[in-house]
């Protein structure tokens, strides 16, 4: 099945005339999009308006269509990430809610999505009923978090002194991706001294003394991806 951002058949309106929740699906895997569409269109109050394969196209369509919720993946084959698309979408007046739907449950990904303005964060292994409930919760403007995600955020709140900040997780993720301090400073528009300062704080919080050890410890704790 190929990607399409043309209107899908949608679901029939409920007989009671309840509002239909209009959805946009953004994921670069066609099988995932097809599966999501098939599941969501069984709900009488959902209408899948379109599905797209890139974050850029998701941003474009939210400006063109009347939408209530965008289901957004985090990793795409193009240049724009799901968190960047989320920030672009939610920055607009009367923007649809963004519900992140991904396989990643690291602090780095969660914090990036929430800071970007995501209303909810769900993992792709969620059962259909949990997904449908999250969509309705997001459409109502309420937070919709997978239990595992809520638990990670609660753990961060319980141990604020040792929890890596949003910027620290971002720096450490780039370290794990193989970037040097100079490359990280250019990517994040920071001075190299600031990058080094972040790394010093990261080492102290993780109880390590090197980049390699920091990456290993953070990966083991689910803070970053490898």
N, C-alpha and C. Protein backbone atom coordinates (compact mmCIF):
# COMPACT_ATOMS: atom_id res chain seq x y z
N UNK A 1 0.85 -1.18 0.00
CA UNK A 1 0.00 0.00 0.00
C UNK A 1 0.88 1.23 0.00
N UNK A 2 0.54 2.23 -0.80
CA UNK A 2 1.33 3.44 -0.88
C UNK A 2 0.74 4.53 -0.01
N UNK A 3 1.58 5.54 0.28
CA UNK A 3 1.13 6.66 1.11
C UNK A 3 0.11 7.48 0.36
N UNK A 4 -0.83 8.03 1.08
CA UNK A 4 -1.78 8.97 0.48
C UNK A 4 -2.12 10.05 1.48
N UNK A 5 -2.19 11.30 0.96
CA UNK A 5 -2.70 12.35 1.81
C UNK A 5 -4.00 12.89 1.25
N UNK A 6 -4.66 12.06 0.45
CA UNK A 6 -6.01 12.39 0.02
C UNK A 6 -6.97 11.91 1.08
N UNK A 7 -8.16 12.50 1.14
CA UNK A 7 -9.10 12.09 2.18
C UNK A 7 -9.43 10.62 2.07
N UNK A 8 -9.45 9.94 3.19
CA UNK A 8 -9.83 8.55 3.24
C UNK A 8 -11.34 8.43 3.33
N UNK A 9 -11.86 7.23 3.32
CA UNK A 9 -13.30 7.04 3.37
C UNK A 9 -13.91 7.51 4.69
N UNK A 10 -13.09 7.52 5.76
CA UNK A 10 -13.59 8.00 7.04
C UNK A 10 -14.61 7.06 7.64
N UNK A 11 -15.06 7.40 8.82
CA UNK A 11 -16.06 6.59 9.51
C UNK A 11 -17.39 7.32 9.46
N UNK A 12 -18.48 6.59 9.48
CA UNK A 12 -19.78 7.25 9.47
C UNK A 12 -20.00 8.04 10.75
N UNK A 13 -20.77 9.09 10.64
CA UNK A 13 -21.08 9.88 11.83
C UNK A 13 -22.00 9.08 12.75
N UNK A 14 -21.77 9.20 14.05
CA UNK A 14 -22.64 8.49 14.98
C UNK A 14 -24.09 8.91 14.78
N UNK A 15 -24.99 7.97 14.98
CA UNK A 15 -26.40 8.25 14.76
C UNK A 15 -26.91 9.35 15.66
N UNK A 16 -26.28 9.52 16.83
CA UNK A 16 -26.73 10.55 17.75
C UNK A 16 -26.24 11.93 17.40
N UNK A 17 -25.44 12.05 16.34
CA UNK A 17 -24.96 13.34 15.91
C UNK A 17 -23.78 13.87 16.72
N UNK A 18 -23.09 13.02 17.46
CA UNK A 18 -21.94 13.46 18.25
C UNK A 18 -20.82 13.91 17.31
N UNK A 19 -20.00 14.85 17.74
CA UNK A 19 -18.92 15.36 16.88
C UNK A 19 -17.96 14.25 16.46
N UNK A 20 -17.55 14.29 15.22
CA UNK A 20 -16.56 13.35 14.72
C UNK A 20 -15.17 13.92 14.97
N UNK A 21 -14.26 13.10 15.44
CA UNK A 21 -12.88 13.52 15.67
C UNK A 21 -12.10 13.26 14.39
N UNK A 22 -11.61 14.34 13.82
CA UNK A 22 -10.93 14.26 12.52
C UNK A 22 -9.42 14.06 12.75
N UNK A 23 -8.86 13.02 12.12
CA UNK A 23 -7.50 12.60 12.41
C UNK A 23 -6.59 12.70 11.20
N UNK A 24 -5.32 12.98 11.49
CA UNK A 24 -4.24 12.89 10.51
C UNK A 24 -3.21 11.90 11.05
N UNK A 25 -2.79 10.93 10.23
CA UNK A 25 -1.79 9.96 10.62
C UNK A 25 -0.48 10.30 9.94
N UNK A 26 0.61 10.42 10.73
CA UNK A 26 1.92 10.75 10.17
C UNK A 26 2.92 9.69 10.60
N UNK A 27 3.34 8.85 9.65
CA UNK A 27 4.29 7.77 9.94
C UNK A 27 4.94 7.39 8.61
N UNK A 28 6.25 7.13 8.62
CA UNK A 28 6.92 6.86 7.36
C UNK A 28 6.83 5.39 6.92
N UNK A 29 6.16 4.56 7.71
CA UNK A 29 5.99 3.16 7.33
C UNK A 29 4.57 2.94 6.80
N UNK A 30 4.42 2.59 5.52
CA UNK A 30 3.08 2.43 4.95
C UNK A 30 2.25 1.35 5.63
N UNK A 31 2.89 0.28 6.08
CA UNK A 31 2.14 -0.78 6.75
C UNK A 31 1.58 -0.29 8.07
N UNK A 32 2.36 0.53 8.79
CA UNK A 32 1.89 1.09 10.06
C UNK A 32 0.71 2.02 9.80
N UNK A 33 0.82 2.87 8.79
CA UNK A 33 -0.28 3.80 8.48
C UNK A 33 -1.54 3.03 8.12
N UNK A 34 -1.38 1.99 7.31
CA UNK A 34 -2.55 1.20 6.90
C UNK A 34 -3.18 0.52 8.10
N UNK A 35 -2.34 0.00 8.99
CA UNK A 35 -2.86 -0.66 10.18
C UNK A 35 -3.59 0.30 11.10
N UNK A 36 -3.01 1.48 11.29
CA UNK A 36 -3.65 2.50 12.13
C UNK A 36 -4.98 2.94 11.54
N UNK A 37 -4.98 3.16 10.24
CA UNK A 37 -6.23 3.58 9.60
C UNK A 37 -7.31 2.51 9.78
N UNK A 38 -6.93 1.25 9.59
CA UNK A 38 -7.91 0.17 9.71
C UNK A 38 -8.47 0.09 11.12
N UNK A 39 -7.62 0.28 12.12
CA UNK A 39 -8.06 0.21 13.52
C UNK A 39 -8.93 1.41 13.87
N UNK A 40 -8.46 2.59 13.51
CA UNK A 40 -9.16 3.82 13.93
C UNK A 40 -10.50 4.00 13.22
N UNK A 41 -10.59 3.53 11.99
CA UNK A 41 -11.84 3.72 11.25
C UNK A 41 -12.95 2.78 11.71
N UNK A 42 -12.64 1.88 12.63
CA UNK A 42 -13.71 1.06 13.21
C UNK A 42 -14.45 1.84 14.30
N UNK A 43 -13.88 2.95 14.75
CA UNK A 43 -14.53 3.77 15.77
C UNK A 43 -15.54 4.72 15.11
N UNK A 44 -16.79 4.71 15.56
CA UNK A 44 -17.83 5.49 14.87
C UNK A 44 -17.64 7.00 14.96
N UNK A 45 -16.86 7.46 15.93
CA UNK A 45 -16.69 8.91 16.07
C UNK A 45 -15.33 9.38 15.56
N UNK A 46 -14.62 8.53 14.81
CA UNK A 46 -13.34 8.92 14.22
C UNK A 46 -13.46 9.02 12.71
N UNK A 47 -12.76 9.99 12.14
CA UNK A 47 -12.62 10.08 10.68
C UNK A 47 -11.15 10.33 10.37
N UNK A 48 -10.53 9.40 9.64
CA UNK A 48 -9.15 9.59 9.22
C UNK A 48 -9.17 10.43 7.96
N UNK A 49 -8.81 11.69 8.10
CA UNK A 49 -8.86 12.62 6.98
C UNK A 49 -7.75 12.33 5.98
N UNK A 50 -6.56 11.99 6.48
CA UNK A 50 -5.43 11.71 5.60
C UNK A 50 -4.35 10.97 6.36
N UNK A 51 -3.45 10.32 5.60
CA UNK A 51 -2.25 9.77 6.21
C UNK A 51 -1.06 10.16 5.35
N UNK A 52 0.06 10.50 6.00
CA UNK A 52 1.22 11.04 5.28
C UNK A 52 2.49 10.34 5.75
N UNK A 53 3.51 10.38 4.90
CA UNK A 53 4.75 9.66 5.16
C UNK A 53 5.88 10.55 5.67
N UNK A 54 5.67 11.87 5.70
CA UNK A 54 6.74 12.76 6.15
C UNK A 54 6.22 13.76 7.17
N UNK A 55 7.12 14.21 8.04
CA UNK A 55 6.76 15.22 9.02
C UNK A 55 6.45 16.54 8.34
N UNK A 56 7.19 16.84 7.27
CA UNK A 56 6.95 18.09 6.55
C UNK A 56 5.52 18.15 6.00
N UNK A 57 5.07 17.04 5.43
CA UNK A 57 3.72 17.01 4.86
C UNK A 57 2.66 17.10 5.96
N UNK A 58 2.96 16.55 7.12
CA UNK A 58 2.03 16.67 8.24
C UNK A 58 1.85 18.13 8.63
N UNK A 59 2.93 18.86 8.67
CA UNK A 59 2.85 20.29 9.01
C UNK A 59 2.03 21.03 7.97
N UNK A 60 2.26 20.72 6.70
CA UNK A 60 1.52 21.39 5.63
C UNK A 60 0.03 21.11 5.74
N UNK A 61 -0.33 19.86 5.95
CA UNK A 61 -1.76 19.50 5.96
C UNK A 61 -2.50 20.09 7.15
N UNK A 62 -1.82 20.25 8.28
CA UNK A 62 -2.52 20.83 9.44
C UNK A 62 -2.88 22.28 9.18
N UNK A 63 -2.18 22.92 8.26
CA UNK A 63 -2.52 24.29 7.90
C UNK A 63 -3.63 24.34 6.85
N UNK A 64 -3.83 23.22 6.16
CA UNK A 64 -4.81 23.20 5.06
C UNK A 64 -6.13 22.55 5.44
N UNK A 65 -6.12 21.62 6.38
CA UNK A 65 -7.32 20.84 6.70
C UNK A 65 -7.84 21.17 8.09
N UNK A 66 -9.11 20.90 8.28
CA UNK A 66 -9.74 21.04 9.60
C UNK A 66 -9.54 19.73 10.36
N UNK A 67 -8.60 19.75 11.30
CA UNK A 67 -8.22 18.53 12.01
C UNK A 67 -8.36 18.72 13.51
N UNK A 68 -8.56 17.60 14.21
CA UNK A 68 -8.66 17.64 15.67
C UNK A 68 -7.43 17.03 16.35
N UNK A 69 -6.93 15.92 15.80
CA UNK A 69 -5.79 15.23 16.40
C UNK A 69 -4.85 14.74 15.30
N UNK A 70 -3.56 14.94 15.53
CA UNK A 70 -2.53 14.38 14.65
C UNK A 70 -1.81 13.28 15.42
N UNK A 71 -1.77 12.07 14.86
CA UNK A 71 -0.99 10.98 15.44
C UNK A 71 0.38 11.03 14.79
N UNK A 72 1.40 11.36 15.57
CA UNK A 72 2.72 11.70 15.04
C UNK A 72 3.79 10.71 15.48
N UNK A 73 4.48 10.13 14.50
CA UNK A 73 5.66 9.33 14.81
C UNK A 73 6.81 10.29 15.11
N UNK A 74 7.91 9.80 15.68
CA UNK A 74 9.04 10.67 16.00
C UNK A 74 10.15 10.63 14.97
N UNK A 75 10.37 9.48 14.35
CA UNK A 75 11.46 9.33 13.40
C UNK A 75 10.92 9.15 11.99
N UNK A 76 11.42 10.00 11.07
CA UNK A 76 11.02 9.93 9.67
C UNK A 76 12.28 9.85 8.81
N UNK A 77 12.09 9.41 7.58
CA UNK A 77 13.23 9.33 6.69
C UNK A 77 13.72 10.68 6.21
N UNK A 78 12.89 11.71 6.31
CA UNK A 78 13.28 13.04 5.85
C UNK A 78 14.09 13.80 6.87
N UNK A 79 14.23 15.10 6.65
CA UNK A 79 15.06 15.92 7.53
C UNK A 79 14.34 16.31 8.81
N UNK A 80 13.04 16.49 8.76
CA UNK A 80 12.30 16.96 9.92
C UNK A 80 11.91 15.80 10.83
N UNK A 81 12.14 15.97 12.13
CA UNK A 81 11.75 14.97 13.11
C UNK A 81 10.30 15.20 13.55
N UNK A 82 9.73 14.18 14.17
CA UNK A 82 8.36 14.33 14.66
C UNK A 82 8.23 15.40 15.72
N UNK A 83 9.24 15.55 16.58
CA UNK A 83 9.19 16.59 17.61
C UNK A 83 9.23 17.98 16.98
N UNK A 84 10.00 18.13 15.89
CA UNK A 84 10.06 19.42 15.21
C UNK A 84 8.73 19.73 14.54
N UNK A 85 8.13 18.72 13.94
CA UNK A 85 6.81 18.91 13.32
C UNK A 85 5.77 19.25 14.37
N UNK A 86 5.86 18.60 15.52
CA UNK A 86 4.93 18.89 16.61
C UNK A 86 5.02 20.34 17.04
N UNK A 87 6.24 20.84 17.18
CA UNK A 87 6.43 22.24 17.57
C UNK A 87 5.86 23.20 16.53
N UNK A 88 6.07 22.87 15.25
CA UNK A 88 5.54 23.73 14.19
C UNK A 88 4.03 23.73 14.16
N UNK A 89 3.43 22.56 14.39
CA UNK A 89 1.97 22.45 14.37
C UNK A 89 1.35 23.17 15.56
N UNK A 90 1.85 22.91 16.76
CA UNK A 90 1.23 23.46 17.97
C UNK A 90 1.49 24.95 18.13
N UNK A 91 2.42 25.51 17.37
CA UNK A 91 2.68 26.94 17.46
C UNK A 91 1.59 27.77 16.79
N UNK A 92 0.77 27.14 15.98
CA UNK A 92 -0.27 27.88 15.25
C UNK A 92 -1.52 28.06 16.12
N UNK A 93 -2.24 29.15 15.90
CA UNK A 93 -3.51 29.34 16.63
C UNK A 93 -4.51 28.24 16.24
N UNK A 94 -5.29 27.81 17.21
CA UNK A 94 -6.32 26.79 16.96
C UNK A 94 -5.74 25.52 16.33
N UNK A 95 -4.55 25.16 16.74
CA UNK A 95 -3.89 23.97 16.18
C UNK A 95 -4.56 22.70 16.68
N UNK A 96 -4.49 21.64 15.89
CA UNK A 96 -4.98 20.34 16.38
C UNK A 96 -4.07 19.84 17.49
N UNK A 97 -4.57 18.92 18.28
CA UNK A 97 -3.74 18.29 19.31
C UNK A 97 -2.81 17.28 18.63
N UNK A 98 -1.63 17.13 19.19
CA UNK A 98 -0.68 16.15 18.66
C UNK A 98 -0.50 15.04 19.67
N UNK A 99 -0.77 13.82 19.23
CA UNK A 99 -0.57 12.63 20.04
C UNK A 99 0.59 11.85 19.44
N UNK A 100 1.71 11.81 20.15
CA UNK A 100 2.87 11.08 19.65
C UNK A 100 2.61 9.58 19.78
N UNK A 101 2.89 8.87 18.71
CA UNK A 101 2.73 7.42 18.69
C UNK A 101 4.02 6.83 18.14
N UNK A 102 4.81 6.21 19.00
CA UNK A 102 6.16 5.83 18.63
C UNK A 102 6.59 4.55 19.33
N UNK A 103 7.75 4.05 18.93
CA UNK A 103 8.32 2.88 19.60
C UNK A 103 9.33 3.30 20.67
N UNK A 104 9.66 4.59 20.73
CA UNK A 104 10.72 5.07 21.61
C UNK A 104 10.16 5.53 22.95
N UNK A 105 10.78 5.04 24.04
CA UNK A 105 10.31 5.44 25.36
C UNK A 105 11.44 6.00 26.22
N UNK A 106 12.44 6.60 25.59
CA UNK A 106 13.55 7.19 26.33
C UNK A 106 13.19 8.59 26.82
N UNK A 107 13.89 9.03 27.86
CA UNK A 107 13.67 10.39 28.36
C UNK A 107 13.92 11.42 27.27
N UNK A 108 14.96 11.21 26.47
CA UNK A 108 15.30 12.16 25.42
C UNK A 108 14.12 12.37 24.47
N UNK A 109 13.48 11.29 24.06
CA UNK A 109 12.35 11.39 23.14
C UNK A 109 11.11 11.96 23.82
N UNK A 110 10.84 11.50 25.02
CA UNK A 110 9.65 11.97 25.74
C UNK A 110 9.72 13.46 26.01
N UNK A 111 10.86 13.91 26.53
CA UNK A 111 11.01 15.33 26.87
C UNK A 111 10.95 16.20 25.62
N UNK A 112 11.55 15.75 24.53
CA UNK A 112 11.51 16.52 23.30
C UNK A 112 10.08 16.69 22.80
N UNK A 113 9.30 15.62 22.86
CA UNK A 113 7.91 15.68 22.38
C UNK A 113 7.05 16.57 23.27
N UNK A 114 7.20 16.44 24.57
CA UNK A 114 6.38 17.23 25.49
C UNK A 114 6.75 18.71 25.40
N UNK A 115 8.05 18.99 25.31
CA UNK A 115 8.48 20.38 25.18
C UNK A 115 7.98 20.98 23.88
N UNK A 116 7.86 20.15 22.85
CA UNK A 116 7.38 20.64 21.55
C UNK A 116 5.88 20.93 21.56
N UNK A 117 5.17 20.46 22.58
CA UNK A 117 3.75 20.76 22.67
C UNK A 117 2.82 19.58 22.50
N UNK A 118 3.36 18.36 22.50
CA UNK A 118 2.50 17.18 22.35
C UNK A 118 1.53 17.08 23.53
N UNK A 119 0.28 16.76 23.23
CA UNK A 119 -0.73 16.57 24.26
C UNK A 119 -0.61 15.19 24.90
N UNK A 120 -0.14 14.22 24.12
CA UNK A 120 -0.04 12.86 24.63
C UNK A 120 1.13 12.12 24.04
N UNK A 121 1.45 10.99 24.65
CA UNK A 121 2.59 10.18 24.21
C UNK A 121 2.21 8.72 24.43
N UNK A 122 2.14 7.98 23.34
CA UNK A 122 1.70 6.59 23.40
C UNK A 122 2.69 5.72 22.64
N UNK A 123 2.85 4.49 23.08
CA UNK A 123 3.74 3.55 22.41
C UNK A 123 2.96 2.70 21.41
N UNK A 124 3.63 2.27 20.36
CA UNK A 124 2.95 1.58 19.27
C UNK A 124 2.44 0.20 19.64
N UNK A 125 2.88 -0.32 20.78
CA UNK A 125 2.35 -1.62 21.20
C UNK A 125 1.08 -1.49 22.02
N UNK A 126 0.54 -0.27 22.10
CA UNK A 126 -0.70 -0.06 22.86
C UNK A 126 -1.85 -0.81 22.20
N UNK A 127 -2.73 -1.44 22.98
CA UNK A 127 -3.90 -2.12 22.40
C UNK A 127 -4.85 -1.11 21.77
N UNK A 128 -5.67 -1.54 20.81
CA UNK A 128 -6.56 -0.62 20.10
C UNK A 128 -7.45 0.20 21.01
N UNK A 129 -7.96 -0.41 22.09
CA UNK A 129 -8.86 0.35 22.97
C UNK A 129 -8.11 1.47 23.70
N UNK A 130 -6.84 1.22 24.03
CA UNK A 130 -6.04 2.26 24.68
C UNK A 130 -5.73 3.39 23.71
N UNK A 131 -5.46 3.05 22.46
CA UNK A 131 -5.21 4.05 21.43
C UNK A 131 -6.44 4.91 21.21
N UNK A 132 -7.61 4.28 21.09
CA UNK A 132 -8.85 5.03 20.88
C UNK A 132 -9.14 5.96 22.05
N UNK A 133 -8.93 5.46 23.26
CA UNK A 133 -9.16 6.29 24.44
C UNK A 133 -8.20 7.48 24.47
N UNK A 134 -6.94 7.25 24.07
CA UNK A 134 -5.96 8.33 24.05
C UNK A 134 -6.32 9.40 23.03
N UNK A 135 -6.83 8.97 21.89
CA UNK A 135 -7.25 9.93 20.85
C UNK A 135 -8.38 10.80 21.38
N UNK A 136 -9.37 10.20 22.02
CA UNK A 136 -10.49 10.98 22.56
C UNK A 136 -10.02 11.92 23.68
N UNK A 137 -9.09 11.44 24.51
CA UNK A 137 -8.56 12.28 25.58
C UNK A 137 -7.81 13.46 25.01
N UNK A 138 -6.97 13.21 23.99
CA UNK A 138 -6.22 14.29 23.36
C UNK A 138 -7.15 15.29 22.69
N UNK A 139 -8.18 14.78 22.01
CA UNK A 139 -9.13 15.66 21.33
C UNK A 139 -9.84 16.58 22.32
N UNK A 140 -10.01 16.10 23.54
CA UNK A 140 -10.65 16.90 24.59
C UNK A 140 -9.67 17.88 25.25
N UNK A 141 -8.42 17.86 24.80
CA UNK A 141 -7.43 18.79 25.34
C UNK A 141 -6.79 18.34 26.62
N UNK A 142 -6.91 17.05 26.92
CA UNK A 142 -6.33 16.52 28.16
C UNK A 142 -5.10 15.68 27.84
N UNK A 143 -4.24 15.53 28.83
CA UNK A 143 -3.02 14.76 28.65
C UNK A 143 -3.32 13.27 28.51
N UNK A 144 -2.69 12.64 27.53
CA UNK A 144 -2.88 11.21 27.29
C UNK A 144 -1.51 10.56 27.25
N UNK A 145 -1.12 9.95 28.34
CA UNK A 145 0.20 9.34 28.45
C UNK A 145 0.08 7.83 28.66
N UNK A 146 0.91 7.08 27.94
CA UNK A 146 0.99 5.65 28.19
C UNK A 146 1.45 5.43 29.63
N UNK A 147 0.98 4.39 30.30
CA UNK A 147 1.38 4.15 31.69
C UNK A 147 2.89 4.16 31.89
N UNK A 148 3.63 3.54 30.97
CA UNK A 148 5.09 3.50 31.11
C UNK A 148 5.69 4.89 31.01
N UNK A 149 5.10 5.74 30.18
CA UNK A 149 5.61 7.11 30.01
C UNK A 149 5.30 7.93 31.26
N UNK A 150 4.09 7.79 31.77
CA UNK A 150 3.72 8.51 32.99
C UNK A 150 4.64 8.11 34.15
N UNK A 151 4.98 6.82 34.21
CA UNK A 151 5.86 6.34 35.28
C UNK A 151 7.25 6.95 35.16
N UNK A 152 7.76 7.04 33.93
CA UNK A 152 9.09 7.64 33.74
C UNK A 152 9.08 9.10 34.18
N UNK A 153 8.04 9.83 33.85
CA UNK A 153 7.96 11.24 34.23
C UNK A 153 7.84 11.39 35.74
N UNK A 154 7.09 10.49 36.37
CA UNK A 154 6.96 10.53 37.83
C UNK A 154 8.30 10.25 38.50
N UNK A 155 9.06 9.30 37.95
CA UNK A 155 10.37 8.99 38.50
C UNK A 155 11.30 10.19 38.40
N UNK A 156 11.20 10.93 37.31
CA UNK A 156 12.02 12.14 37.16
C UNK A 156 11.67 13.17 38.22
N UNK A 157 10.38 13.30 38.50
CA UNK A 157 9.93 14.28 39.49
C UNK A 157 10.37 13.88 40.90
N UNK A 158 10.46 12.57 41.16
CA UNK A 158 10.85 12.10 42.48
C UNK A 158 12.34 12.30 42.74
N UNK A 159 13.13 12.32 41.67
CA UNK A 159 14.59 12.47 41.83
C UNK A 159 15.12 13.61 40.97
N UNK A 160 14.65 14.82 41.21
CA UNK A 160 15.04 15.95 40.35
C UNK A 160 16.54 16.24 40.37
N UNK A 161 17.21 15.97 41.49
CA UNK A 161 18.63 16.30 41.59
C UNK A 161 19.49 15.45 40.68
N UNK A 162 19.05 14.22 40.38
CA UNK A 162 19.84 13.32 39.54
C UNK A 162 19.26 13.14 38.14
N UNK A 163 18.11 13.72 37.88
CA UNK A 163 17.49 13.58 36.56
C UNK A 163 18.18 14.51 35.57
N UNK A 164 18.47 13.99 34.39
CA UNK A 164 19.07 14.83 33.36
C UNK A 164 18.03 15.81 32.84
N UNK A 165 18.46 17.03 32.59
CA UNK A 165 17.56 18.05 32.03
C UNK A 165 17.30 17.74 30.56
N UNK A 166 16.34 18.45 30.00
CA UNK A 166 16.03 18.29 28.57
C UNK A 166 17.27 18.54 27.73
N UNK A 167 18.01 19.60 28.01
CA UNK A 167 19.20 19.93 27.23
C UNK A 167 20.30 18.88 27.44
N UNK A 168 20.44 18.41 28.66
CA UNK A 168 21.46 17.39 28.94
C UNK A 168 21.19 16.10 28.19
N UNK A 169 19.93 15.68 28.15
CA UNK A 169 19.60 14.46 27.40
C UNK A 169 19.86 14.67 25.91
N UNK A 170 19.59 15.88 25.44
CA UNK A 170 19.81 16.19 24.03
C UNK A 170 21.31 16.11 23.70
N UNK A 171 22.13 16.70 24.57
CA UNK A 171 23.58 16.66 24.37
C UNK A 171 24.08 15.22 24.41
N UNK A 172 23.62 14.45 25.38
CA UNK A 172 24.10 13.08 25.52
C UNK A 172 23.63 12.20 24.37
N UNK A 173 22.44 12.46 23.85
CA UNK A 173 21.98 11.70 22.69
C UNK A 173 22.89 11.95 21.49
N UNK A 174 23.32 13.19 21.33
CA UNK A 174 24.22 13.50 20.22
C UNK A 174 25.60 12.89 20.43
N UNK A 175 26.03 12.82 21.68
CA UNK A 175 27.27 12.10 21.99
C UNK A 175 27.14 10.64 21.57
N UNK A 176 26.01 10.04 21.92
CA UNK A 176 25.76 8.64 21.56
C UNK A 176 25.70 8.46 20.05
N UNK A 177 25.26 9.49 19.33
CA UNK A 177 25.20 9.43 17.87
C UNK A 177 26.56 9.62 17.23
N UNK A 178 27.60 9.86 18.05
CA UNK A 178 28.95 9.96 17.54
C UNK A 178 29.45 11.36 17.26
N UNK A 179 28.72 12.38 17.67
CA UNK A 179 29.14 13.76 17.39
C UNK A 179 30.19 14.23 18.39
N UNK A 180 31.13 15.01 17.91
CA UNK A 180 32.14 15.62 18.77
C UNK A 180 31.54 16.83 19.49
N UNK A 181 32.28 17.37 20.47
CA UNK A 181 31.80 18.58 21.15
C UNK A 181 31.61 19.73 20.18
N UNK A 182 32.53 19.85 19.23
CA UNK A 182 32.42 20.92 18.24
C UNK A 182 31.16 20.76 17.38
N UNK A 183 30.90 19.52 16.96
CA UNK A 183 29.71 19.26 16.15
C UNK A 183 28.43 19.49 16.93
N UNK A 184 28.44 19.10 18.22
CA UNK A 184 27.27 19.32 19.07
C UNK A 184 27.01 20.80 19.26
N UNK A 185 28.08 21.58 19.45
CA UNK A 185 27.91 23.02 19.65
C UNK A 185 27.27 23.66 18.42
N UNK A 186 27.66 23.20 17.22
CA UNK A 186 27.07 23.73 15.99
C UNK A 186 25.63 23.29 15.83
N UNK A 187 25.36 22.03 16.15
CA UNK A 187 24.00 21.50 16.00
C UNK A 187 23.02 22.20 16.92
N UNK A 188 23.45 22.48 18.16
CA UNK A 188 22.55 23.04 19.17
C UNK A 188 22.73 24.56 19.35
N UNK A 189 23.63 25.14 18.56
CA UNK A 189 23.89 26.58 18.66
C UNK A 189 24.35 26.96 20.06
N UNK A 190 25.27 26.17 20.59
CA UNK A 190 25.85 26.41 21.90
C UNK A 190 27.35 26.59 21.75
N UNK A 191 27.98 27.26 22.71
CA UNK A 191 29.43 27.33 22.71
C UNK A 191 29.99 25.97 23.14
N UNK A 192 31.23 25.70 22.76
CA UNK A 192 31.84 24.45 23.17
C UNK A 192 32.02 24.40 24.69
N UNK A 193 32.23 25.56 25.30
CA UNK A 193 32.34 25.61 26.75
C UNK A 193 31.03 25.18 27.42
N UNK A 194 29.91 25.58 26.82
CA UNK A 194 28.60 25.19 27.36
C UNK A 194 28.37 23.70 27.20
N UNK A 195 28.77 23.15 26.05
CA UNK A 195 28.65 21.70 25.84
C UNK A 195 29.46 20.96 26.89
N UNK A 196 30.70 21.41 27.12
CA UNK A 196 31.55 20.77 28.13
C UNK A 196 30.92 20.86 29.52
N UNK A 197 30.31 22.01 29.82
CA UNK A 197 29.66 22.18 31.12
C UNK A 197 28.50 21.20 31.28
N UNK A 198 27.72 21.02 30.22
CA UNK A 198 26.62 20.05 30.25
C UNK A 198 27.16 18.65 30.51
N UNK A 199 28.27 18.31 29.86
CA UNK A 199 28.84 16.98 30.04
C UNK A 199 29.33 16.77 31.46
N UNK A 200 29.91 17.80 32.07
CA UNK A 200 30.35 17.70 33.46
C UNK A 200 29.17 17.39 34.37
N UNK A 201 28.04 18.09 34.14
CA UNK A 201 26.85 17.85 34.94
C UNK A 201 26.29 16.45 34.70
N UNK A 202 26.34 16.01 33.44
CA UNK A 202 25.86 14.67 33.09
C UNK A 202 26.68 13.61 33.82
N UNK A 203 28.01 13.77 33.78
CA UNK A 203 28.88 12.80 34.44
C UNK A 203 28.56 12.72 35.94
N UNK A 204 28.37 13.88 36.55
CA UNK A 204 28.11 13.91 37.99
C UNK A 204 26.78 13.22 38.31
N UNK A 205 25.77 13.48 37.52
CA UNK A 205 24.45 12.90 37.78
C UNK A 205 24.44 11.38 37.55
N UNK A 206 25.21 10.93 36.58
CA UNK A 206 25.22 9.50 36.26
C UNK A 206 26.29 8.75 37.04
N UNK A 207 27.16 9.49 37.71
CA UNK A 207 28.23 8.84 38.47
C UNK A 207 29.28 8.20 37.60
N UNK A 208 29.63 8.86 36.48
CA UNK A 208 30.62 8.32 35.54
C UNK A 208 31.69 9.37 35.30
N UNK A 209 32.73 8.98 34.53
CA UNK A 209 33.81 9.93 34.29
C UNK A 209 34.26 9.98 32.84
N UNK A 210 33.43 9.48 31.92
CA UNK A 210 33.81 9.54 30.51
C UNK A 210 32.57 9.54 29.63
N UNK A 211 32.77 9.93 28.38
CA UNK A 211 31.67 9.94 27.41
C UNK A 211 31.12 8.53 27.20
N UNK A 212 32.02 7.57 27.05
CA UNK A 212 31.59 6.19 26.81
C UNK A 212 30.77 5.65 27.97
N UNK A 213 31.23 5.91 29.17
CA UNK A 213 30.51 5.43 30.36
C UNK A 213 29.16 6.13 30.50
N UNK A 214 29.14 7.41 30.16
CA UNK A 214 27.88 8.17 30.25
C UNK A 214 26.85 7.61 29.28
N UNK A 215 27.27 7.33 28.06
CA UNK A 215 26.36 6.78 27.07
C UNK A 215 25.85 5.41 27.50
N UNK A 216 26.78 4.58 28.01
CA UNK A 216 26.39 3.24 28.46
C UNK A 216 25.39 3.30 29.61
N UNK A 217 25.65 4.17 30.59
CA UNK A 217 24.77 4.28 31.75
C UNK A 217 23.40 4.83 31.35
N UNK A 218 23.41 5.85 30.50
CA UNK A 218 22.15 6.47 30.08
C UNK A 218 21.32 5.53 29.23
N UNK A 219 21.98 4.74 28.41
CA UNK A 219 21.26 3.77 27.59
C UNK A 219 20.63 2.69 28.47
N UNK A 220 21.38 2.22 29.44
CA UNK A 220 20.87 1.19 30.35
C UNK A 220 19.68 1.69 31.15
N UNK A 221 19.65 2.98 31.45
CA UNK A 221 18.56 3.56 32.24
C UNK A 221 17.40 4.02 31.36
N UNK A 222 17.51 3.87 30.06
CA UNK A 222 16.43 4.29 29.17
C UNK A 222 16.34 5.78 28.99
N UNK A 223 17.46 6.49 29.16
CA UNK A 223 17.45 7.94 29.02
C UNK A 223 17.64 8.37 27.57
N UNK A 224 18.42 7.58 26.82
CA UNK A 224 18.70 7.89 25.43
C UNK A 224 18.60 6.62 24.60
N UNK A 225 18.60 6.80 23.26
CA UNK A 225 18.58 5.69 22.33
C UNK A 225 19.99 5.40 21.84
N UNK A 226 20.24 4.16 21.46
CA UNK A 226 21.49 3.78 20.77
C UNK A 226 21.14 3.24 19.41
